[in-house]
Amino acid sequence: DTARAIANLGVDMIITGEAKYSPDTIKSIVETVQANG
């Protein structure tokens, strides 16, 4: 949820393997980053 909130700010992000997000979570975060430029 925090990662998605940060993504909504339009920032550039790096998600490492240590985050261990589920595939659905990663897809959601990527979609948010893309939508916010």
PDB file of all heavy atoms in Angstrom:
ATOM      1  N   ASP A   1       0.825  -1.215   0.000  1.00  0.00           N
ATOM      2  CA  ASP A   1       0.000   0.000   0.000  1.00  0.00           C
ATOM      3  C   ASP A   1       0.857   1.261   0.000  1.00  0.00           C
ATOM      4  O   ASP A   1       0.544   2.237  -0.686  1.00  0.00           O
ATOM      5  CB  ASP A   1      -0.960   0.011   1.189  1.00  0.00           C
ATOM      6  CG  ASP A   1      -2.085  -0.998   1.042  1.00  0.00           C
ATOM      7  OD1 ASP A   1      -2.393  -1.407  -0.095  1.00  0.00           O
ATOM      8  OD2 ASP A   1      -2.652  -1.382   2.081  1.00  0.00           O
ATOM      9  N   THR A   2       1.929   1.250   0.761  1.00  0.00           N
ATOM     10  CA  THR A   2       2.833   2.393   0.794  1.00  0.00           C
ATOM     11  C   THR A   2       3.527   2.561  -0.550  1.00  0.00           C
ATOM     12  O   THR A   2       3.661   3.682  -1.046  1.00  0.00           O
ATOM     13  CB  THR A   2       3.872   2.239   1.925  1.00  0.00           C
ATOM     14  OG1 THR A   2       3.188   2.166   3.169  1.00  0.00           O
ATOM     15  CG2 THR A   2       4.851   3.394   1.949  1.00  0.00           C
ATOM     16  N   ALA A   3       3.953   1.446  -1.151  1.00  0.00           N
ATOM     17  CA  ALA A   3       4.601   1.512  -2.464  1.00  0.00           C
ATOM     18  C   ALA A   3       3.645   2.097  -3.504  1.00  0.00           C
ATOM     19  O   ALA A   3       4.046   2.922  -4.326  1.00  0.00           O
ATOM     20  CB  ALA A   3       5.078   0.124  -2.887  1.00  0.00           C
ATOM     21  N   ARG A   4       2.378   1.696  -3.470  1.00  0.00           N
ATOM     22  CA  ARG A   4       1.394   2.239  -4.407  1.00  0.00           C
ATOM     23  C   ARG A   4       1.186   3.741  -4.165  1.00  0.00           C
ATOM     24  O   ARG A   4       1.056   4.508  -5.119  1.00  0.00           O
ATOM     25  CB  ARG A   4       0.058   1.504  -4.277  1.00  0.00           C
ATOM     26  CG  ARG A   4       0.024   0.191  -4.985  1.00  0.00           C
ATOM     27  CD  ARG A   4      -1.396  -0.395  -5.001  1.00  0.00           C
ATOM     28  NE  ARG A   4      -1.339  -1.831  -5.072  1.00  0.00           N
ATOM     29  CZ  ARG A   4      -1.332  -2.675  -4.050  1.00  0.00           C
ATOM     30  NH1 ARG A   4      -1.397  -2.230  -2.815  1.00  0.00           N
ATOM     31  NH2 ARG A   4      -1.266  -3.972  -4.239  1.00  0.00           N
ATOM     32  N   ALA A   5       1.129   4.143  -2.911  1.00  0.00           N
ATOM     33  CA  ALA A   5       0.951   5.562  -2.586  1.00  0.00           C
ATOM     34  C   ALA A   5       2.133   6.382  -3.099  1.00  0.00           C
ATOM     35  O   ALA A   5       1.941   7.479  -3.646  1.00  0.00           O
ATOM     36  CB  ALA A   5       0.785   5.738  -1.075  1.00  0.00           C
ATOM     37  N   ILE A   6       3.327   5.861  -2.958  1.00  0.00           N
ATOM     38  CA  ILE A   6       4.518   6.548  -3.467  1.00  0.00           C
ATOM     39  C   ILE A   6       4.462   6.599  -4.995  1.00  0.00           C
ATOM     40  O   ILE A   6       4.766   7.632  -5.602  1.00  0.00           O
ATOM     41  CB  ILE A   6       5.797   5.856  -2.960  1.00  0.00           C
ATOM     42  CG1 ILE A   6       5.919   6.039  -1.439  1.00  0.00           C
ATOM     43  CG2 ILE A   6       7.037   6.400  -3.672  1.00  0.00           C
ATOM     44  CD1 ILE A   6       6.990   5.175  -0.798  1.00  0.00           C
ATOM     45  N   ALA A   7       4.064   5.499  -5.624  1.00  0.00           N
ATOM     46  CA  ALA A   7       3.958   5.446  -7.085  1.00  0.00           C
ATOM     47  C   ALA A   7       2.973   6.485  -7.607  1.00  0.00           C
ATOM     48  O   ALA A   7       3.168   7.047  -8.690  1.00  0.00           O
ATOM     49  CB  ALA A   7       3.546   4.046  -7.531  1.00  0.00           C
ATOM     50  N   ASN A   8       1.920   6.749  -6.846  1.00  0.00           N
ATOM     51  CA  ASN A   8       0.925   7.750  -7.244  1.00  0.00           C
ATOM     52  C   ASN A   8       1.497   9.155  -7.332  1.00  0.00           C
ATOM     53  O   ASN A   8       0.889  10.034  -7.934  1.00  0.00           O
ATOM     54  CB  ASN A   8      -0.259   7.751  -6.273  1.00  0.00           C
ATOM     55  CG  ASN A   8      -1.360   6.829  -6.719  1.00  0.00           C
ATOM     56  OD1 ASN A   8      -1.688   6.774  -7.885  1.00  0.00           O
ATOM     57  ND2 ASN A   8      -1.924   6.096  -5.778  1.00  0.00           N
ATOM     58  N   LEU A   9       2.655   9.369  -6.736  1.00  0.00           N
ATOM     59  CA  LEU A   9       3.286  10.691  -6.763  1.00  0.00           C
ATOM     60  C   LEU A   9       4.060  10.937  -8.052  1.00  0.00           C
ATOM     61  O   LEU A   9       4.590  12.024  -8.262  1.00  0.00           O
ATOM     62  CB  LEU A   9       4.212  10.851  -5.553  1.00  0.00           C
ATOM     63  CG  LEU A   9       3.530  10.749  -4.192  1.00  0.00           C
ATOM     64  CD1 LEU A   9       4.564  10.781  -3.077  1.00  0.00           C
ATOM     65  CD2 LEU A   9       2.508  11.853  -4.017  1.00  0.00           C
ATOM     66  N   GLY A  10       4.147   9.912  -8.919  1.00  0.00           N
ATOM     67  CA  GLY A  10       4.829  10.071 -10.195  1.00  0.00           C
ATOM     68  C   GLY A  10       6.335   9.946 -10.125  1.00  0.00           C
ATOM     69  O   GLY A  10       7.035  10.397 -11.028  1.00  0.00           O
ATOM     70  N   VAL A  11       6.830   9.320  -9.081  1.00  0.00           N
ATOM     71  CA  VAL A  11       8.270   9.172  -8.903  1.00  0.00           C
ATOM     72  C   VAL A  11       8.811   8.005  -9.730  1.00  0.00           C
ATOM     73  O   VAL A  11       8.062   7.146 -10.201  1.00  0.00           O
ATOM     74  CB  VAL A  11       8.632   8.955  -7.418  1.00  0.00           C
ATOM     75  CG1 VAL A  11       8.170  10.110  -6.574  1.00  0.00           C
ATOM     76  CG2 VAL A  11       8.059   7.646  -6.901  1.00  0.00           C
ATOM     77  N   ASP A  12      10.127   7.970  -9.880  1.00  0.00           N
ATOM     78  CA  ASP A  12      10.794   6.815 -10.441  1.00  0.00           C
ATOM     79  C   ASP A  12      11.084   5.860  -9.288  1.00  0.00           C
ATOM     80  O   ASP A  12      11.441   6.306  -8.187  1.00  0.00           O
ATOM     81  CB  ASP A  12      12.097   7.217 -11.128  1.00  0.00           C
ATOM     82  CG  ASP A  12      11.858   8.115 -12.339  1.00  0.00           C
ATOM     83  OD1 ASP A  12      10.721   8.146 -12.842  1.00  0.00           O
ATOM     84  OD2 ASP A  12      12.811   8.764 -12.775  1.00  0.00           O
ATOM     85  N   MET A  13      10.924   4.554  -9.532  1.00  0.00           N
ATOM     86  CA  MET A  13      11.082   3.573  -8.463  1.00  0.00           C
ATOM     87  C   MET A  13      11.948   2.407  -8.925  1.00  0.00           C
ATOM     88  O   MET A  13      12.003   2.108 -10.117  1.00  0.00           O
ATOM     89  CB  MET A  13       9.725   3.001  -8.042  1.00  0.00           C
ATOM     90  CG  MET A  13       8.747   3.992  -7.497  1.00  0.00           C
ATOM     91  SD  MET A  13       7.169   3.220  -7.060  1.00  0.00           S
ATOM     92  CE  MET A  13       7.616   2.473  -5.494  1.00  0.00           C
ATOM     93  N   ILE A  14      12.562   1.742  -7.961  1.00  0.00           N
ATOM     94  CA  ILE A  14      13.247   0.475  -8.179  1.00  0.00           C
ATOM     95  C   ILE A  14      12.669  -0.515  -7.183  1.00  0.00           C
ATOM     96  O   ILE A  14      12.658  -0.247  -5.981  1.00  0.00           O
ATOM     97  CB  ILE A  14      14.767   0.593  -7.965  1.00  0.00           C
ATOM     98  CG1 ILE A  14      15.366   1.579  -8.968  1.00  0.00           C
ATOM     99  CG2 ILE A  14      15.432  -0.778  -8.095  1.00  0.00           C
ATOM    100  CD1 ILE A  14      16.837   1.877  -8.723  1.00  0.00           C
ATOM    101  N   ILE A  15      12.175  -1.639  -7.688  1.00  0.00           N
ATOM    102  CA  ILE A  15      11.656  -2.703  -6.834  1.00  0.00           C
ATOM    103  C   ILE A  15      12.659  -3.849  -6.888  1.00  0.00           C
ATOM    104  O   ILE A  15      12.844  -4.472  -7.937  1.00  0.00           O
ATOM    105  CB  ILE A  15      10.268  -3.196  -7.290  1.00  0.00           C
ATOM    106  CG1 ILE A  15       9.261  -2.056  -7.370  1.00  0.00           C
ATOM    107  CG2 ILE A  15       9.779  -4.315  -6.383  1.00  0.00           C
ATOM    108  CD1 ILE A  15       8.856  -1.455  -6.056  1.00  0.00           C
ATOM    109  N   THR A  16      13.309  -4.109  -5.780  1.00  0.00           N
ATOM    110  CA  THR A  16      14.293  -5.187  -5.730  1.00  0.00           C
ATOM    111  C   THR A  16      13.620  -6.501  -5.345  1.00  0.00           C
ATOM    112  O   THR A  16      12.467  -6.513  -4.899  1.00  0.00           O
ATOM    113  CB  THR A  16      15.394  -4.877  -4.702  1.00  0.00           C
ATOM    114  OG1 THR A  16      14.826  -4.865  -3.402  1.00  0.00           O
ATOM    115  CG2 THR A  16      16.064  -3.542  -4.984  1.00  0.00           C
ATOM    116  N   GLY A  17      14.358  -7.569  -5.493  1.00  0.00           N
ATOM    117  CA  GLY A  17      13.853  -8.877  -5.103  1.00  0.00           C
ATOM    118  C   GLY A  17      13.571  -8.978  -3.620  1.00  0.00           C
ATOM    119  O   GLY A  17      12.759  -9.793  -3.182  1.00  0.00           O
ATOM    120  N   GLU A  18      14.222  -8.145  -2.837  1.00  0.00           N
ATOM    121  CA  GLU A  18      14.027  -8.158  -1.385  1.00  0.00           C
ATOM    122  C   GLU A  18      12.617  -7.737  -0.988  1.00  0.00           C
ATOM    123  O   GLU A  18      12.143  -8.075   0.088  1.00  0.00           O
ATOM    124  CB  GLU A  18      15.046  -7.249  -0.710  1.00  0.00           C
ATOM    125  CG  GLU A  18      16.470  -7.746  -0.841  1.00  0.00           C
ATOM    126  CD  GLU A  18      17.485  -6.748  -0.318  1.00  0.00           C
ATOM    127  OE1 GLU A  18      17.092  -5.719   0.257  1.00  0.00           O
ATOM    128  OE2 GLU A  18      18.686  -7.008  -0.504  1.00  0.00           O
ATOM    129  N   ALA A  19      11.944  -7.001  -1.863  1.00  0.00           N
ATOM    130  CA  ALA A  19      10.588  -6.544  -1.552  1.00  0.00           C
ATOM    131  C   ALA A  19       9.620  -7.726  -1.467  1.00  0.00           C
ATOM    132  O   ALA A  19       8.674  -7.702  -0.693  1.00  0.00           O
ATOM    133  CB  ALA A  19      10.110  -5.546  -2.604  1.00  0.00           C
ATOM    134  N   LYS A  20       9.848  -8.739  -2.286  1.00  0.00           N
ATOM    135  CA  LYS A  20       9.037  -9.957  -2.288  1.00  0.00           C
ATOM    136  C   LYS A  20       7.537  -9.679  -2.443  1.00  0.00           C
ATOM    137  O   LYS A  20       6.710 -10.310  -1.801  1.00  0.00           O
ATOM    138  CB  LYS A  20       9.315 -10.804  -1.050  1.00  0.00           C
ATOM    139  CG  LYS A  20      10.742 -11.288  -0.992  1.00  0.00           C
ATOM    140  CD  LYS A  20      11.012 -12.170   0.194  1.00  0.00           C
ATOM    141  CE  LYS A  20      12.469 -12.589   0.160  1.00  0.00           C
ATOM    142  NZ  LYS A  20      12.890 -13.335   1.303  1.00  0.00           N
ATOM    143  N   TYR A  21       7.209  -8.722  -3.320  1.00  0.00           N
ATOM    144  CA  TYR A  21       5.811  -8.446  -3.600  1.00  0.00           C
ATOM    145  C   TYR A  21       5.246  -9.547  -4.490  1.00  0.00           C
ATOM    146  O   TYR A  21       5.949 -10.110  -5.326  1.00  0.00           O
ATOM    147  CB  TYR A  21       5.639  -7.107  -4.307  1.00  0.00           C
ATOM    148  CG  TYR A  21       6.030  -5.903  -3.484  1.00  0.00           C
ATOM    149  CD1 TYR A  21       6.733  -4.858  -4.044  1.00  0.00           C
ATOM    150  CD2 TYR A  21       5.679  -5.805  -2.137  1.00  0.00           C
ATOM    151  CE1 TYR A  21       7.082  -3.741  -3.308  1.00  0.00           C
ATOM    152  CE2 TYR A  21       6.024  -4.693  -1.392  1.00  0.00           C
ATOM    153  CZ  TYR A  21       6.722  -3.664  -1.974  1.00  0.00           C
ATOM    154  OH  TYR A  21       7.066  -2.561  -1.238  1.00  0.00           O
ATOM    155  N   SER A  22       3.974  -9.817  -4.353  1.00  0.00           N
ATOM    156  CA  SER A  22       3.314 -10.814  -5.191  1.00  0.00           C
ATOM    157  C   SER A  22       3.264 -10.302  -6.632  1.00  0.00           C
ATOM    158  O   SER A  22       3.358  -9.091  -6.871  1.00  0.00           O
ATOM    159  CB  SER A  22       1.888 -11.070  -4.697  1.00  0.00           C
ATOM    160  OG  SER A  22       1.069  -9.961  -4.995  1.00  0.00           O
ATOM    161  N   PRO A  23       3.101 -11.212  -7.597  1.00  0.00           N
ATOM    162  CA  PRO A  23       2.979 -10.765  -8.987  1.00  0.00           C
ATOM    163  C   PRO A  23       1.845  -9.760  -9.195  1.00  0.00           C
ATOM    164  O   PRO A  23       2.020  -8.781  -9.936  1.00  0.00           O
ATOM    165  CB  PRO A  23       2.715 -12.067  -9.749  1.00  0.00           C
ATOM    166  CG  PRO A  23       3.418 -13.109  -8.933  1.00  0.00           C
ATOM    167  CD  PRO A  23       3.185 -12.676  -7.507  1.00  0.00           C
ATOM    168  N   ASP A  24       0.719  -9.972  -8.560  1.00  0.00           N
ATOM    169  CA  ASP A  24      -0.397  -9.028  -8.704  1.00  0.00           C
ATOM    170  C   ASP A  24      -0.048  -7.656  -8.143  1.00  0.00           C
ATOM    171  O   ASP A  24      -0.429  -6.626  -8.710  1.00  0.00           O
ATOM    172  CB  ASP A  24      -1.660  -9.562  -8.036  1.00  0.00           C
ATOM    173  CG  ASP A  24      -2.289 -10.718  -8.806  1.00  0.00           C
ATOM    174  OD1 ASP A  24      -2.026 -10.855 -10.019  1.00  0.00           O
ATOM    175  OD2 ASP A  24      -3.045 -11.483  -8.184  1.00  0.00           O
ATOM    176  N   THR A  25       0.674  -7.626  -7.034  1.00  0.00           N
ATOM    177  CA  THR A  25       1.087  -6.352  -6.441  1.00  0.00           C
ATOM    178  C   THR A  25       2.050  -5.624  -7.359  1.00  0.00           C
ATOM    179  O   THR A  25       1.910  -4.414  -7.590  1.00  0.00           O
ATOM    180  CB  THR A  25       1.726  -6.577  -5.060  1.00  0.00           C
ATOM    181  OG1 THR A  25       0.743  -7.141  -4.188  1.00  0.00           O
ATOM    182  CG2 THR A  25       2.257  -5.290  -4.473  1.00  0.00           C
ATOM    183  N   ILE A  26       3.031  -6.347  -7.906  1.00  0.00           N
ATOM    184  CA  ILE A  26       3.995  -5.726  -8.821  1.00  0.00           C
ATOM    185  C   ILE A  26       3.274  -5.153 -10.035  1.00  0.00           C
ATOM    186  O   ILE A  26       3.539  -4.022 -10.455  1.00  0.00           O
ATOM    187  CB  ILE A  26       5.066  -6.750  -9.257  1.00  0.00           C
ATOM    188  CG1 ILE A  26       6.025  -7.031  -8.105  1.00  0.00           C
ATOM    189  CG2 ILE A  26       5.841  -6.276 -10.479  1.00  0.00           C
ATOM    190  CD1 ILE A  26       6.927  -5.876  -7.735  1.00  0.00           C
ATOM    191  N   LYS A  27       2.359  -5.916 -10.608  1.00  0.00           N
ATOM    192  CA  LYS A  27       1.612  -5.434 -11.772  1.00  0.00           C
ATOM    193  C   LYS A  27       0.844  -4.159 -11.432  1.00  0.00           C
ATOM    194  O   LYS A  27       0.812  -3.208 -12.214  1.00  0.00           O
ATOM    195  CB  LYS A  27       0.657  -6.504 -12.279  1.00  0.00           C
ATOM    196  CG  LYS A  27       1.346  -7.691 -12.910  1.00  0.00           C
ATOM    197  CD  LYS A  27       0.316  -8.750 -13.281  1.00  0.00           C
ATOM    198  CE  LYS A  27       0.926 -10.099 -13.505  1.00  0.00           C
ATOM    199  NZ  LYS A  27      -0.100 -11.134 -13.746  1.00  0.00           N
ATOM    200  N   SER A  28       0.237  -4.122 -10.260  1.00  0.00           N
ATOM    201  CA  SER A  28      -0.516  -2.949  -9.826  1.00  0.00           C
ATOM    202  C   SER A  28       0.393  -1.733  -9.658  1.00  0.00           C
ATOM    203  O   SER A  28       0.048  -0.619 -10.073  1.00  0.00           O
ATOM    204  CB  SER A  28      -1.235  -3.264  -8.513  1.00  0.00           C
ATOM    205  OG  SER A  28      -1.845  -2.121  -7.982  1.00  0.00           O
ATOM    206  N   ILE A  29       1.550  -1.930  -9.059  1.00  0.00           N
ATOM    207  CA  ILE A  29       2.490  -0.829  -8.857  1.00  0.00           C
ATOM    208  C   ILE A  29       3.001  -0.325 -10.203  1.00  0.00           C
ATOM    209  O   ILE A  29       3.078   0.884 -10.437  1.00  0.00           O
ATOM    210  CB  ILE A  29       3.646  -1.257  -7.929  1.00  0.00           C
ATOM    211  CG1 ILE A  29       3.115  -1.503  -6.514  1.00  0.00           C
ATOM    212  CG2 ILE A  29       4.755  -0.202  -7.913  1.00  0.00           C
ATOM    213  CD1 ILE A  29       4.108  -2.167  -5.577  1.00  0.00           C
ATOM    214  N   VAL A  30       3.336  -1.248 -11.112  1.00  0.00           N
ATOM    215  CA  VAL A  30       3.803  -0.857 -12.445  1.00  0.00           C
ATOM    216  C   VAL A  30       2.725  -0.054 -13.169  1.00  0.00           C
ATOM    217  O   VAL A  30       3.008   0.980 -13.783  1.00  0.00           O
ATOM    218  CB  VAL A  30       4.225  -2.099 -13.268  1.00  0.00           C
ATOM    219  CG1 VAL A  30       4.439  -1.737 -14.738  1.00  0.00           C
ATOM    220  CG2 VAL A  30       5.485  -2.723 -12.681  1.00  0.00           C
ATOM    221  N   GLU A  31       1.490  -0.499 -13.071  1.00  0.00           N
ATOM    222  CA  GLU A  31       0.382   0.218 -13.713  1.00  0.00           C
ATOM    223  C   GLU A  31       0.251   1.629 -13.146  1.00  0.00           C
ATOM    224  O   GLU A  31       0.038   2.594 -13.884  1.00  0.00           O
ATOM    225  CB  GLU A  31      -0.910  -0.566 -13.500  1.00  0.00           C
ATOM    226  CG  GLU A  31      -2.094  -0.003 -14.220  1.00  0.00           C
ATOM    227  CD  GLU A  31      -3.311  -0.907 -14.099  1.00  0.00           C
ATOM    228  OE1 GLU A  31      -3.575  -1.430 -12.999  1.00  0.00           O
ATOM    229  OE2 GLU A  31      -3.995  -1.074 -15.115  1.00  0.00           O
ATOM    230  N   THR A  32       0.401   1.768 -11.847  1.00  0.00           N
ATOM    231  CA  THR A  32       0.305   3.077 -11.196  1.00  0.00           C
ATOM    232  C   THR A  32       1.440   3.989 -11.637  1.00  0.00           C
ATOM    233  O   THR A  32       1.221   5.162 -11.952  1.00  0.00           O
ATOM    234  CB  THR A  32       0.303   2.916  -9.668  1.00  0.00           C
ATOM    235  OG1 THR A  32      -0.798   2.095  -9.292  1.00  0.00           O
ATOM    236  CG2 THR A  32       0.192   4.257  -8.966  1.00  0.00           C
ATOM    237  N   VAL A  33       2.664   3.461 -11.656  1.00  0.00           N
ATOM    238  CA  VAL A  33       3.815   4.263 -12.084  1.00  0.00           C
ATOM    239  C   VAL A  33       3.621   4.718 -13.530  1.00  0.00           C
ATOM    240  O   VAL A  33       3.821   5.892 -13.859  1.00  0.00           O
ATOM    241  CB  VAL A  33       5.132   3.457 -11.925  1.00  0.00           C
ATOM    242  CG1 VAL A  33       6.283   4.156 -12.639  1.00  0.00           C
ATOM    243  CG2 VAL A  33       5.467   3.261 -10.457  1.00  0.00           C
ATOM    244  N   GLN A  34       3.217   3.800 -14.382  1.00  0.00           N
ATOM    245  CA  GLN A  34       3.013   4.117 -15.796  1.00  0.00           C
ATOM    246  C   GLN A  34       1.945   5.196 -15.958  1.00  0.00           C
ATOM    247  O   GLN A  34       2.118   6.155 -16.707  1.00  0.00           O
ATOM    248  CB  GLN A  34       2.647   2.845 -16.566  1.00  0.00           C
ATOM    249  CG  GLN A  34       2.584   3.000 -18.068  1.00  0.00           C
ATOM    250  CD  GLN A  34       1.237   3.461 -18.576  1.00  0.00           C
ATOM    251  OE1 GLN A  34       0.221   3.396 -17.900  1.00  0.00           O
ATOM    252  NE2 GLN A  34       1.227   3.973 -19.783  1.00  0.00           N
ATOM    253  N   ALA A  35       0.852   5.069 -15.250  1.00  0.00           N
ATOM    254  CA  ALA A  35      -0.251   6.028 -15.350  1.00  0.00           C
ATOM    255  C   ALA A  35       0.142   7.427 -14.882  1.00  0.00           C
ATOM    256  O   ALA A  35      -0.429   8.422 -15.331  1.00  0.00           O
ATOM    257  CB  ALA A  35      -1.450   5.532 -14.552  1.00  0.00           C
ATOM    258  N   ASN A  36       1.131   7.494 -13.990  1.00  0.00           N
ATOM    259  CA  ASN A  36       1.551   8.780 -13.439  1.00  0.00           C
ATOM    260  C   ASN A  36       2.825   9.314 -14.077  1.00  0.00           C
ATOM    261  O   ASN A  36       3.408  10.280 -13.590  1.00  0.00           O
ATOM    262  CB  ASN A  36       1.710   8.670 -11.918  1.00  0.00           C
ATOM    263  CG  ASN A  36       0.366   8.582 -11.232  1.00  0.00           C
ATOM    264  OD1 ASN A  36      -0.363   9.564 -11.176  1.00  0.00           O
ATOM    265  ND2 ASN A  36       0.011   7.411 -10.743  1.00  0.00           N
ATOM    266  N   GLY A  37       3.268   8.669 -15.154  1.00  0.00           N
ATOM    267  CA  GLY A  37       4.396   9.191 -15.914  1.00  0.00           C
ATOM    268  C   GLY A  37       5.766   8.911 -15.339  1.00  0.00           C
ATOM    269  O   GLY A  37       6.753   9.485 -15.796  1.00  0.00           O
TER     270      GLY A  37
END
